[in-house]
Amino acid sequence: MGFSHSALLQLYGTSGEAWLVAEDLQGVWGYALTARAMDDPRVGWILALGVHTERRGEHIGRALLDESIVELRSRDMDTIKLTVEPDNLAAYGLYIRAGFQDTGQFKKDDIGDGRPRKILTLLLPTTHPQSQPEEPADEQHEEQVPEDVAGVRFDLQDRFPWA
């Protein structure tokens, strides 16, 4: 089940993280929306991941999932969560193959649409950066920090020959 156009616009506007889009010259074929958890800055959520029915089976979902994980990890998150309908075996299998573990279930009444959802969690390995010698203070040295990007366009043409 996908989101309505207005719901997607609202999610995009409030997510503050990344909106990934799988597209080619013929159109948009999938999307993923991620966000940082409100209660823990080390936890990211994949709020939505969808692939157009015409393009299912072409590994677009896996590519979007992988890119979502990369994006969340780049923002220093070490735990990623998502929910999936228990009877959506294709999506459930995709997430389990990617390393997510089934960590529980929301009850029917916990979600707005009244349907239960499985909670899946991926724990990312933490890496501790090796200590670097401190650079001497330099008044002329100014670090260039890129602007934060609200959305990321994901181009499939480099990954898939049909794109």
Protein backbone atom coordinates (compact mmCIF):
# COMPACT_ATOMS: atom_id res chain seq x y z
CA MET A 1 0.00 0.00 0.00
CA GLY A 2 1.44 3.37 -0.98
CA PHE A 3 0.98 6.83 0.43
CA SER A 4 -1.29 9.42 -1.14
CA HIS A 5 0.38 12.35 -2.90
CA SER A 6 -0.50 14.73 -0.03
CA ALA A 7 0.81 12.30 2.59
CA LEU A 8 4.10 11.96 0.70
CA LEU A 9 4.47 15.73 0.52
CA GLN A 10 3.87 16.02 4.25
CA LEU A 11 6.34 13.23 5.04
CA TYR A 12 8.94 14.77 2.76
CA GLY A 13 8.53 18.20 4.33
CA THR A 14 8.91 16.94 7.89
CA SER A 15 11.39 14.11 7.43
CA GLY A 16 14.49 16.27 7.54
CA GLU A 17 16.50 13.37 6.21
CA ALA A 18 16.52 11.72 2.82
CA TRP A 19 14.10 11.08 0.04
CA LEU A 20 15.48 8.58 -2.46
CA VAL A 21 13.91 8.28 -5.88
CA ALA A 22 14.49 5.50 -8.43
CA GLU A 23 13.81 6.85 -11.88
CA ASP A 24 14.80 6.55 -15.50
CA LEU A 25 13.76 8.37 -18.66
CA GLN A 26 10.36 6.64 -18.60
CA GLY A 27 9.42 7.78 -15.09
CA VAL A 28 9.69 7.30 -11.35
CA TRP A 29 9.65 3.63 -10.38
CA GLY A 30 10.31 3.65 -6.67
CA TYR A 31 11.06 5.72 -3.62
CA ALA A 32 12.31 5.44 -0.07
CA LEU A 33 11.86 7.92 2.74
CA THR A 34 14.07 7.88 5.82
CA ALA A 35 14.17 9.91 9.02
CA ARG A 36 16.00 10.12 12.32
CA ALA A 37 14.07 8.89 15.35
CA MET A 38 12.75 11.70 17.52
CA ASP A 39 13.74 10.00 20.77
CA ASP A 40 17.21 8.69 19.83
CA PRO A 41 19.57 10.37 17.34
CA ARG A 42 21.41 7.07 16.71
CA VAL A 43 18.25 5.39 15.39
CA GLY A 44 16.99 5.87 11.85
CA TRP A 45 13.69 4.78 10.39
CA ILE A 46 12.84 3.74 6.88
CA LEU A 47 9.37 5.25 6.83
CA ALA A 48 8.43 4.19 3.34
CA LEU A 49 9.84 2.10 0.54
CA GLY A 50 7.80 1.42 -2.54
CA VAL A 51 8.33 0.11 -6.06
CA HIS A 52 5.87 0.51 -8.92
CA THR A 53 4.12 -2.78 -9.72
CA GLU A 54 5.40 -2.70 -13.33
CA ARG A 55 9.02 -2.81 -12.14
CA ARG A 56 8.86 -5.28 -9.26
CA GLY A 57 11.35 -8.12 -9.51
CA GLU A 58 14.03 -5.87 -11.02
CA HIS A 59 15.89 -5.33 -7.70
CA ILE A 60 14.83 -1.71 -7.41
CA GLY A 61 13.59 -2.30 -3.87
CA ARG A 62 16.92 -3.78 -2.81
CA ALA A 63 18.82 -0.88 -4.39
CA LEU A 64 16.61 1.64 -2.58
CA LEU A 65 17.00 -0.27 0.68
CA ASP A 66 20.79 -0.40 0.33
CA GLU A 67 20.99 3.32 -0.47
CA SER A 68 18.71 4.12 2.48
CA ILE A 69 21.02 2.22 4.81
CA VAL A 70 24.06 4.04 3.39
CA GLU A 71 22.30 7.40 3.84
CA LEU A 72 21.27 6.72 7.44
CA ARG A 73 24.71 5.40 8.33
CA SER A 74 26.33 8.52 6.83
CA ARG A 75 24.31 10.50 9.37
CA ASP A 76 25.87 8.53 12.27
CA MET A 77 22.94 6.22 12.91
CA ASP A 78 23.84 2.74 14.09
CA THR A 79 20.35 1.23 14.29
CA ILE A 80 17.77 1.20 11.53
CA LYS A 81 14.15 0.25 12.04
CA LEU A 82 11.17 -0.21 9.78
CA THR A 83 7.76 -1.80 9.87
CA VAL A 84 6.20 -4.23 7.45
CA GLU A 85 2.79 -5.86 7.20
CA PRO A 86 3.12 -9.47 8.40
CA ASP A 87 1.48 -10.85 5.23
CA ASN A 88 3.79 -8.90 2.87
CA LEU A 89 6.15 -11.84 2.40
CA ALA A 90 8.10 -10.28 -0.48
CA ALA A 91 9.00 -7.17 1.52
CA TYR A 92 9.62 -9.18 4.70
CA GLY A 93 12.00 -11.48 2.82
CA LEU A 94 13.83 -8.52 1.28
CA TYR A 95 14.46 -7.00 4.70
CA ILE A 96 15.51 -10.28 6.32
CA ARG A 97 17.97 -10.99 3.46
CA ALA A 98 19.42 -7.50 4.02
CA GLY A 99 20.19 -8.39 7.65
CA PHE A 100 17.16 -6.99 9.48
CA GLN A 101 15.87 -9.01 12.41
CA ASP A 102 12.27 -9.40 13.49
CA THR A 103 12.13 -7.56 16.82
CA GLY A 104 8.45 -7.49 17.61
CA GLN A 105 5.11 -6.34 16.38
CA PHE A 106 2.90 -3.31 16.80
CA LYS A 107 -0.56 -4.29 17.91
CA LYS A 108 -3.50 -3.58 15.63
CA ASP A 109 -4.55 -0.53 17.64
CA ASP A 110 -1.04 1.02 17.71
CA ILE A 111 -1.07 1.96 14.01
CA GLY A 112 -3.52 4.41 12.47
CA ASP A 113 -4.88 2.04 9.84
CA GLY A 114 -5.69 -0.68 12.38
CA ARG A 115 -3.48 -3.32 10.78
CA PRO A 116 -0.63 -5.01 12.67
CA ARG A 117 2.97 -4.37 11.60
CA LYS A 118 6.14 -6.31 12.28
CA ILE A 119 9.03 -4.21 13.55
CA LEU A 120 12.34 -5.09 11.92
CA THR A 121 15.69 -3.81 13.17
CA LEU A 122 19.14 -3.67 11.61
CA LEU A 123 22.11 -3.11 13.91
CA LEU A 124 25.01 -1.60 12.00
CA PRO A 125 28.56 -2.41 13.04
CA THR A 126 30.10 0.49 14.85
CA THR A 127 33.48 1.67 13.77
CA HIS A 128 35.71 3.66 16.05
CA PRO A 129 37.87 6.10 14.15
CA GLN A 130 41.54 5.81 14.95
CA SER A 131 42.84 8.83 16.75
CA GLN A 132 44.54 11.27 14.45
CA PRO A 133 47.21 13.71 15.52
CA GLU A 134 45.73 17.12 16.02
CA GLU A 135 46.44 19.67 13.34
CA PRO A 136 48.17 22.82 14.51
CA ALA A 137 45.83 25.78 14.83
CA ASP A 138 45.76 27.80 11.65
CA GLU A 139 43.82 31.03 11.53
CA GLN A 140 43.60 30.89 7.75
CA HIS A 141 42.32 27.32 7.67
CA GLU A 142 38.55 27.23 7.34
CA GLU A 143 36.73 23.93 7.02
CA GLN A 144 34.30 23.69 4.13
CA VAL A 145 31.11 22.04 5.34
CA PRO A 146 28.60 21.06 2.65
CA GLU A 147 25.04 22.21 3.01
CA ASP A 148 22.64 19.62 4.35
CA VAL A 149 20.52 18.10 1.60
CA ALA A 150 16.84 17.52 2.25
CA GLY A 151 16.51 15.02 -0.58
CA VAL A 152 18.71 12.73 -2.58
CA ARG A 153 17.99 11.74 -6.17
CA PHE A 154 18.93 8.14 -6.82
CA ASP A 155 19.70 7.42 -10.46
CA LEU A 156 19.39 3.79 -11.52
CA GLN A 157 21.03 4.19 -14.92
CA ASP A 158 24.47 3.26 -13.57
CA ARG A 159 23.16 0.11 -11.87
CA PHE A 160 20.61 -1.38 -14.21
CA PRO A 161 21.00 -1.93 -17.94
CA TRP A 162 17.29 -1.42 -18.60
CA ALA A 163 17.30 2.06 -17.06
